[in-house]
Amino acid sequence: MPGEGTASPGVAVRLEPCDPGVSDRGAAVFLQTGFWGEFKSAAGWKPAHFRLEAGGLPGSTLLVLERRLAPGFSFAYVPHGPSADPGEGKRGAFLEALARELRPRLGKDCAFVRFDPPWELREPIPGGAEEKSGAQGERSEAVREAPASVSRPPVGAPLRKAADVQPPDSVILRVDRPDEELLAGMKAKWRYNIRLAEKKGVSVTRESVAAPDGTLLPGALDVFYDLYAATSERDRIGIHPKSYYERLFGLALALRAAGGPDAAPDVGLWVARHEGEALAAIITVFRRKRGVYLFGASGDAKRNLMPAYALQWTAMRAAREAGCVEYDFYGIPPTDDPSHPMAGLYRIKTGFGGEIARYPGCWDAPTRPLAYAAYRAAESARLWWYKSLMKRLKRR
């Protein structure tokens, strides 16, 4: 019956609608909060919040986002959910049962539910903290080892692997340690760059973005967005309009002012400057035990002063002071592959130490098989166009 299904022997699934505030208090990650649901609603998503009970697993909340793509066609997306994990061998059946329970609570034209679970496998960063110096430590890109395959938490049938939405790989650093231990866990060059930025007079400040009444200051994100536009042009990456980031801050400020710290994460803007000139900026999200580096931007001037290293060093220590245990660098390529278009992200983020977190990525549970098959064909063509053809054309 609706409200209870069986994912596998011993794992029953039950859903009950709940208020967004319940999600804010119970969600394991910020992408499952009432704050995130309301934030995404401005971009055309319809949020729905549930209490989830699954067999003997700990109870949790579940945010489901539904979006209409065309008349008569919508789909649902579960960002970094569910947190409940029945374990290897049961995950696919568990998510299928959860999709069945969601089906009568979604639009009649919903073709599939796309799950993006937060289940992790942690592994050490290859090479450890220290680098060799001299010729042995300065291998060229041409002779670096071929990327190895990676292991992820298995999901499998009856679900189908889908295009990823959230990054399926990240670097997670424990920050509940003294500065000396954090520095000792970094590669030597990273420690050097942090000290170089300090020696050269690079300063990092958390920018004030709120007026006395708690509302977002006009123009508060102008510096960040100018740097982000420069990053987009230089690295050929897409960015949202400025209003997207203004809503992120504005909504967090409004919810925290009305409901207290638990009503929304602490969204912060950090800017690195030298002699008054803004060189780089990042946006972070601090929530309970985890801080997240969400967006980063840098200009073209004075990059030799290493402002990006100063920013991360300041942010990870601020996360610790805010009570966070971990700092999530949020997204790297799966391996140290020099041919990957974002290879630089892998090298800079892993250099700060920590562990690599592997997630399953996205998995689909079709609810209208014919409509789903048509969508997957169109999605595959679109991904080929943007990730293969367009990138080859840009290289020319």
Protein backbone atom coordinates (compact mmCIF):
# COMPACT_ATOMS: atom_id res chain seq x y z
CA MET A 1 0.00 0.00 0.00
CA PRO A 2 1.18 3.61 -0.46
CA GLY A 3 3.43 4.61 2.41
CA GLU A 4 5.18 1.29 2.91
CA GLY A 5 7.11 -0.93 0.50
CA THR A 6 9.77 -3.60 0.65
CA ALA A 7 13.23 -2.83 -0.74
CA SER A 8 14.71 -6.20 0.16
CA PRO A 9 14.18 -8.74 2.94
CA GLY A 10 14.15 -6.87 6.24
CA VAL A 11 14.15 -3.34 4.71
CA ALA A 12 10.70 -1.72 4.64
CA VAL A 13 10.29 1.83 3.38
CA ARG A 14 7.83 4.32 4.87
CA LEU A 15 7.38 7.98 3.92
CA GLU A 16 5.43 10.71 5.70
CA PRO A 17 5.26 14.33 4.48
CA CYS A 18 6.92 16.84 6.80
CA ASP A 19 7.54 20.54 7.14
CA PRO A 20 10.73 22.08 5.62
CA GLY A 21 11.80 23.04 9.12
CA VAL A 22 11.94 19.36 10.05
CA SER A 23 14.40 18.85 7.19
CA ASP A 24 16.51 21.75 8.40
CA ARG A 25 16.82 20.10 11.79
CA GLY A 26 17.25 16.53 10.57
CA ALA A 27 19.08 16.64 7.24
CA ALA A 28 22.57 15.17 7.19
CA VAL A 29 23.84 17.52 4.43
CA PHE A 30 22.89 21.03 3.35
CA LEU A 31 21.58 19.79 -0.03
CA GLN A 32 18.77 18.02 1.87
CA THR A 33 17.63 21.00 3.94
CA GLY A 34 14.48 23.05 3.75
CA PHE A 35 16.77 25.98 2.91
CA TRP A 36 18.03 24.22 -0.22
CA GLY A 37 14.53 23.23 -1.28
CA GLU A 38 13.32 26.82 -1.03
CA PHE A 39 16.44 28.08 -2.79
CA LYS A 40 15.91 25.73 -5.75
CA SER A 41 12.23 26.63 -5.97
CA ALA A 42 13.22 29.96 -7.55
CA ALA A 43 14.83 28.01 -10.43
CA GLY A 44 11.70 26.06 -11.32
CA TRP A 45 11.98 23.12 -8.92
CA LYS A 46 9.11 22.01 -6.70
CA PRO A 47 10.41 20.80 -3.31
CA ALA A 48 8.76 18.12 -1.21
CA HIS A 49 9.94 17.02 2.25
CA PHE A 50 9.41 13.67 3.91
CA ARG A 51 10.28 11.70 7.00
CA LEU A 52 11.86 8.43 5.90
CA GLU A 53 11.92 5.19 7.83
CA ALA A 54 13.68 2.23 6.26
CA GLY A 55 13.66 -1.02 8.17
CA GLY A 56 16.03 -0.89 11.11
CA LEU A 57 18.03 2.01 9.66
CA PRO A 58 18.17 5.34 11.50
CA GLY A 59 15.25 7.59 10.66
CA SER A 60 16.03 10.56 8.42
CA THR A 61 14.45 13.25 6.30
CA LEU A 62 14.30 13.36 2.52
CA LEU A 63 14.15 16.34 0.16
CA VAL A 64 12.82 15.56 -3.32
CA LEU A 65 12.93 18.17 -6.07
CA GLU A 66 10.55 17.83 -9.01
CA ARG A 67 10.83 19.74 -12.27
CA ARG A 68 8.71 19.96 -15.38
CA LEU A 69 10.77 19.94 -18.59
CA ALA A 70 7.91 19.98 -21.11
CA PRO A 71 4.12 19.67 -21.12
CA GLY A 72 3.31 16.17 -19.90
CA PHE A 73 6.89 15.43 -18.79
CA SER A 74 8.59 15.95 -15.43
CA PHE A 75 11.19 14.17 -13.32
CA ALA A 76 12.30 14.11 -9.69
CA TYR A 77 15.79 14.54 -8.29
CA VAL A 78 17.04 13.65 -4.80
CA PRO A 79 20.24 15.66 -4.11
CA HIS A 80 22.62 13.74 -1.84
CA GLY A 81 19.83 11.58 -0.52
CA PRO A 82 18.73 9.36 1.02
CA SER A 83 21.23 9.30 3.87
CA ALA A 84 19.92 5.91 5.06
CA ASP A 85 22.14 3.18 3.60
CA PRO A 86 20.96 -0.46 3.69
CA GLY A 87 24.41 -1.69 2.66
CA GLU A 88 25.95 -3.40 -0.32
CA GLY A 89 23.65 -5.80 -2.11
CA LYS A 90 20.49 -3.99 -0.98
CA ARG A 91 20.94 -0.47 -2.31
CA GLY A 92 19.39 -0.87 -5.76
CA ALA A 93 16.28 -2.60 -4.44
CA PHE A 94 16.04 -0.05 -1.61
CA LEU A 95 16.05 2.91 -4.00
CA GLU A 96 13.55 1.20 -6.31
CA ALA A 97 11.17 0.69 -3.37
CA LEU A 98 11.68 4.30 -2.33
CA ALA A 99 10.84 5.44 -5.87
CA ARG A 100 7.63 3.38 -5.73
CA GLU A 101 6.67 5.09 -2.48
CA LEU A 102 7.39 8.48 -3.98
CA ARG A 103 5.47 7.85 -7.18
CA PRO A 104 1.92 8.64 -5.91
CA ARG A 105 3.28 11.75 -4.19
CA LEU A 106 4.75 13.19 -7.40
CA GLY A 107 3.13 14.54 -10.54
CA LYS A 108 1.31 12.05 -12.76
CA ASP A 109 3.68 12.88 -15.61
CA CYS A 110 6.88 12.18 -13.57
CA ALA A 111 8.97 9.85 -15.78
CA PHE A 112 11.70 8.89 -13.31
CA VAL A 113 13.34 9.57 -9.97
CA ARG A 114 17.05 10.39 -10.11
CA PHE A 115 18.85 9.54 -6.87
CA ASP A 116 22.23 11.08 -5.98
CA PRO A 117 23.10 9.25 -2.72
CA PRO A 118 25.69 10.60 -0.24
CA TRP A 119 27.05 7.11 0.53
CA GLU A 120 30.85 7.27 0.64
CA LEU A 121 33.95 5.24 0.19
CA ARG A 122 36.98 7.01 1.64
CA GLU A 123 40.53 6.40 0.44
CA PRO A 124 43.94 7.99 1.05
CA ILE A 125 45.22 10.56 -1.39
CA PRO A 126 47.82 8.88 -3.63
CA GLY A 127 51.35 9.96 -2.75
CA GLY A 128 50.59 11.09 0.79
CA ALA A 129 51.31 14.50 2.21
CA GLU A 130 54.96 14.90 1.30
CA GLU A 131 56.51 15.42 -2.10
CA LYS A 132 60.02 14.55 -3.10
CA SER A 133 62.16 17.47 -4.07
CA GLY A 134 64.46 17.80 -7.02
CA ALA A 135 64.32 15.87 -10.26
CA GLN A 136 62.61 12.83 -8.74
CA GLY A 137 59.77 14.93 -7.41
CA GLU A 138 59.25 17.05 -10.52
CA ARG A 139 57.93 14.49 -12.97
CA SER A 140 56.54 16.03 -16.15
CA GLU A 141 52.93 15.61 -17.19
CA ALA A 142 54.11 13.27 -19.97
CA VAL A 143 55.51 10.65 -17.59
CA ARG A 144 52.90 10.72 -14.86
CA GLU A 145 51.32 7.36 -14.19
CA ALA A 146 48.17 6.36 -16.07
CA PRO A 147 45.00 7.00 -14.06
CA ALA A 148 43.81 3.99 -12.09
CA SER A 149 40.20 2.86 -11.96
CA VAL A 150 38.22 3.93 -8.90
CA SER A 151 35.86 2.06 -6.59
CA ARG A 152 32.50 3.46 -5.54
CA PRO A 153 29.68 2.31 -3.27
CA PRO A 154 27.82 -0.11 -5.56
CA VAL A 155 24.16 0.46 -6.41
CA GLY A 156 23.30 -1.55 -9.51
CA ALA A 157 20.10 -3.15 -10.80
CA PRO A 158 17.26 -2.52 -11.03
CA LEU A 159 18.37 1.13 -11.14
CA ARG A 160 20.21 2.56 -14.14
CA LYS A 161 23.38 4.66 -14.03
CA ALA A 162 22.70 8.23 -15.08
CA ALA A 163 24.61 11.42 -15.82
CA ASP A 164 26.00 12.85 -12.60
CA VAL A 165 24.67 16.09 -11.13
CA GLN A 166 26.73 16.57 -7.96
CA PRO A 167 30.47 15.80 -8.21
CA PRO A 168 30.96 12.06 -7.54
CA ASP A 169 34.46 12.64 -6.12
CA SER A 170 35.67 15.10 -3.51
CA VAL A 171 38.41 15.78 -0.98
CA ILE A 172 37.37 15.78 2.68
CA LEU A 173 39.78 17.23 5.23
CA ARG A 174 39.46 16.83 9.01
CA VAL A 175 39.89 20.30 10.48
CA ASP A 176 39.30 19.64 14.19
CA ARG A 177 43.07 19.74 14.76
CA PRO A 178 45.69 22.38 15.59
CA ASP A 179 47.18 24.48 12.80
CA GLU A 180 50.46 22.59 13.02
CA GLU A 181 48.74 19.28 12.28
CA LEU A 182 46.78 20.75 9.38
CA LEU A 183 49.95 22.14 7.84
CA ALA A 184 51.84 18.90 8.42
CA GLY A 185 49.19 17.03 6.43
CA MET A 186 49.72 19.22 3.35
CA LYS A 187 52.24 18.82 0.60
CA ALA A 188 55.36 20.89 1.14
CA LYS A 189 54.62 23.21 -1.76
CA TRP A 190 51.19 24.00 -0.32
CA ARG A 191 52.68 24.99 3.03
CA TYR A 192 55.20 27.15 1.17
CA ASN A 193 52.46 28.88 -0.85
CA ILE A 194 50.40 29.64 2.26
CA ARG A 195 53.43 31.22 3.93
CA LEU A 196 54.38 33.05 0.72
CA ALA A 197 50.96 34.68 0.50
CA GLU A 198 51.24 35.81 4.11
CA LYS A 199 54.80 37.09 3.65
CA LYS A 200 53.82 39.09 0.55
CA GLY A 201 50.98 40.79 2.37
CA VAL A 202 47.93 38.97 1.00
CA SER A 203 45.05 39.49 3.42
CA VAL A 204 41.84 37.46 3.59
CA THR A 205 38.65 38.82 5.09
CA ARG A 206 35.14 37.51 5.46
CA GLU A 207 33.05 40.14 3.70
CA SER A 208 30.04 41.70 5.38
CA VAL A 209 27.08 41.11 3.08
CA ALA A 210 24.21 42.00 5.44
CA ALA A 211 22.66 45.33 6.36
CA PRO A 212 21.77 46.00 10.03
CA ASP A 213 18.26 44.58 9.42
CA GLY A 214 19.75 41.32 8.11
CA THR A 215 18.99 41.91 4.42
CA LEU A 216 21.59 41.51 1.67
CA LEU A 217 23.52 44.72 1.02
CA PRO A 218 23.16 46.11 -2.53
CA GLY A 219 26.27 45.27 -4.53
CA ALA A 220 27.59 42.94 -1.82
CA LEU A 221 28.58 40.32 -4.38
CA ASP A 222 29.93 42.62 -7.10
CA VAL A 223 33.59 41.87 -6.31
CA PHE A 224 32.98 38.12 -6.25
CA TYR A 225 31.00 38.14 -9.47
CA ASP A 226 33.55 40.24 -11.36
CA LEU A 227 36.23 37.73 -10.37
CA TYR A 228 33.95 34.83 -11.25
CA ALA A 229 33.29 36.29 -14.70
CA ALA A 230 37.05 36.48 -15.24
CA THR A 231 37.37 32.86 -14.14
CA SER A 232 34.61 31.83 -16.53
CA GLU A 233 36.31 33.56 -19.44
CA ARG A 234 39.74 32.16 -18.65
CA ASP A 235 38.75 28.58 -17.86
CA ARG A 236 35.74 28.36 -20.18
CA ILE A 237 33.27 27.32 -17.50
CA GLY A 238 29.62 28.23 -17.21
CA ILE A 239 28.36 30.33 -14.30
CA HIS A 240 24.94 31.41 -13.10
CA PRO A 241 23.72 35.01 -13.30
CA LYS A 242 24.58 37.19 -10.33
CA SER A 243 21.01 36.92 -9.06
CA TYR A 244 21.59 33.20 -8.34
CA TYR A 245 24.33 33.95 -5.82
CA GLU A 246 22.46 36.94 -4.40
CA ARG A 247 19.48 34.69 -3.70
CA LEU A 248 21.77 32.11 -2.03
CA PHE A 249 22.98 34.71 0.47
CA GLY A 250 19.72 36.61 0.76
CA LEU A 251 17.65 33.53 1.54
CA ALA A 252 20.16 32.23 4.10
CA LEU A 253 20.22 35.61 5.83
CA ALA A 254 16.42 35.88 5.88
CA LEU A 255 15.84 32.36 7.21
CA ARG A 256 18.50 32.65 9.92
CA ALA A 257 17.12 36.05 10.99
CA ALA A 258 13.62 34.58 11.30
CA GLY A 259 14.36 31.13 12.68
CA GLY A 260 17.85 31.14 14.16
CA PRO A 261 21.06 29.32 13.13
CA ASP A 262 19.33 25.98 12.46
CA ALA A 263 16.98 27.54 9.90
CA ALA A 264 19.71 27.79 7.23
CA PRO A 265 23.43 27.14 6.80
CA ASP A 266 25.99 29.87 7.39
CA VAL A 267 26.86 31.06 3.88
CA GLY A 268 30.11 33.06 3.80
CA LEU A 269 32.00 35.19 1.29
CA TRP A 270 35.79 35.44 1.59
CA VAL A 271 38.01 37.78 -0.44
CA ALA A 272 41.80 37.77 -0.75
CA ARG A 273 43.35 41.20 -1.39
CA HIS A 274 46.79 42.67 -1.90
CA GLU A 275 47.32 46.39 -1.38
CA GLY A 276 43.56 46.83 -1.61
CA GLU A 277 43.15 44.95 -4.89
CA ALA A 278 40.78 41.98 -4.87
CA LEU A 279 42.61 38.95 -6.29
CA ALA A 280 40.38 35.96 -5.53
CA ALA A 281 37.23 35.01 -3.64
CA ILE A 282 35.35 31.93 -2.44
CA ILE A 283 31.89 31.12 -1.13
CA THR A 284 31.60 28.62 1.72
CA VAL A 285 28.72 26.90 3.48
CA PHE A 286 29.14 25.94 7.16
CA ARG A 287 26.53 23.64 8.65
CA ARG A 288 26.97 21.69 11.85
CA LYS A 289 29.94 19.33 11.47
CA ARG A 290 30.86 20.10 7.86
CA GLY A 291 32.12 23.15 6.02
CA VAL A 292 31.88 23.17 2.23
CA TYR A 293 33.88 25.15 -0.32
CA LEU A 294 31.12 25.81 -2.84
CA PHE A 295 32.38 28.36 -5.39
CA GLY A 296 35.77 29.85 -6.17
CA ALA A 297 36.80 32.79 -8.36
CA SER A 298 40.08 34.48 -9.22
CA GLY A 299 41.30 37.29 -11.42
CA ASP A 300 44.37 37.35 -13.64
CA ALA A 301 46.43 39.80 -11.58
CA LYS A 302 49.13 38.79 -9.07
CA ARG A 303 48.39 35.09 -9.22
CA ASN A 304 52.01 34.52 -8.21
CA LEU A 305 51.07 35.76 -4.72
CA MET A 306 49.05 32.56 -4.17
CA PRO A 307 45.76 34.14 -3.00
CA ALA A 308 43.83 30.87 -3.57
CA TYR A 309 45.99 29.10 -0.97
CA ALA A 310 45.49 31.91 1.53
CA LEU A 311 41.72 31.71 1.02
CA GLN A 312 41.51 27.98 1.67
CA TRP A 313 43.78 28.19 4.69
CA THR A 314 41.61 30.90 6.21
CA ALA A 315 38.33 29.14 5.37
CA MET A 316 39.30 25.74 6.76
CA ARG A 317 40.35 27.31 10.07
CA ALA A 318 37.15 29.36 10.17
CA ALA A 319 35.19 26.15 9.64
CA ARG A 320 36.96 24.67 12.64
CA GLU A 321 36.10 27.72 14.76
CA ALA A 322 32.47 27.36 13.67
CA GLY A 323 32.39 23.84 15.10
CA CYS A 324 32.91 21.92 11.87
CA VAL A 325 34.85 18.66 12.01
CA GLU A 326 35.36 18.33 8.25
CA TYR A 327 36.02 20.68 5.33
CA ASP A 328 34.72 19.51 1.95
CA PHE A 329 36.58 20.84 -1.08
CA TYR A 330 33.56 19.74 -3.15
CA GLY A 331 34.48 18.19 -6.42
CA ILE A 332 37.57 16.86 -8.16
CA PRO A 333 38.20 14.73 -11.26
CA PRO A 334 38.18 11.03 -10.40
CA THR A 335 41.94 10.58 -10.91
CA ASP A 336 45.15 12.55 -11.38
CA ASP A 337 44.72 12.55 -15.16
CA PRO A 338 46.59 15.40 -16.89
CA SER A 339 44.29 15.12 -19.92
CA HIS A 340 41.18 15.83 -17.84
CA PRO A 341 39.85 19.37 -18.51
CA MET A 342 39.73 20.03 -14.74
CA ALA A 343 43.04 18.36 -13.88
CA GLY A 344 44.19 21.44 -11.99
CA LEU A 345 41.39 21.02 -9.46
CA TYR A 346 42.58 17.54 -8.58
CA ARG A 347 46.13 18.66 -7.92
CA ILE A 348 45.38 21.79 -5.92
CA LYS A 349 42.64 20.27 -3.75
CA THR A 350 44.46 17.03 -2.94
CA GLY A 351 47.55 19.02 -1.98
CA PHE A 352 45.84 20.26 1.19
CA GLY A 353 45.66 16.71 2.55
CA GLY A 354 42.69 14.73 3.76
CA GLU A 355 40.98 11.83 2.04
CA ILE A 356 39.23 11.29 -1.28
CA ALA A 357 35.52 10.58 -0.94
CA ARG A 358 33.90 8.46 -3.65
CA TYR A 359 30.14 8.65 -4.14
CA PRO A 360 27.92 6.42 -6.29
CA GLY A 361 26.88 9.26 -8.58
CA CYS A 362 23.36 9.44 -10.02
CA TRP A 363 21.06 6.46 -10.52
CA ASP A 364 17.61 6.50 -12.13
CA ALA A 365 14.47 4.64 -11.16
CA PRO A 366 12.09 4.90 -14.17
CA THR A 367 8.40 5.34 -13.37
CA ARG A 368 7.20 5.79 -17.00
CA PRO A 369 9.53 3.54 -19.04
CA LEU A 370 8.73 4.84 -22.54
CA ALA A 371 8.97 8.50 -21.58
CA TYR A 372 12.18 7.73 -19.66
CA ALA A 373 13.76 5.99 -22.66
CA ALA A 374 13.03 9.02 -24.85
CA TYR A 375 14.53 11.34 -22.28
CA ARG A 376 17.71 9.29 -21.91
CA ALA A 377 18.23 9.30 -25.68
CA ALA A 378 17.88 13.09 -25.77
CA GLU A 379 20.10 13.50 -22.71
CA SER A 380 22.85 11.34 -24.23
CA ALA A 381 22.80 13.44 -27.40
CA ARG A 382 22.98 16.67 -25.41
CA LEU A 383 25.88 15.43 -23.27
CA TRP A 384 27.77 14.32 -26.37
CA TRP A 385 27.24 17.74 -27.91
CA TYR A 386 28.47 19.73 -24.91
CA LYS A 387 31.12 17.41 -23.48
CA SER A 388 32.65 16.06 -26.67
CA LEU A 389 31.93 18.06 -29.79
CA MET A 390 31.85 21.55 -28.30
CA LYS A 391 35.05 20.97 -26.31
CA ARG A 392 36.87 19.79 -29.41
CA LEU A 393 35.68 22.84 -31.31
CA LYS A 394 36.83 25.17 -28.51
CA ARG A 395 40.31 23.61 -28.53
CA ARG A 396 40.62 24.58 -32.18
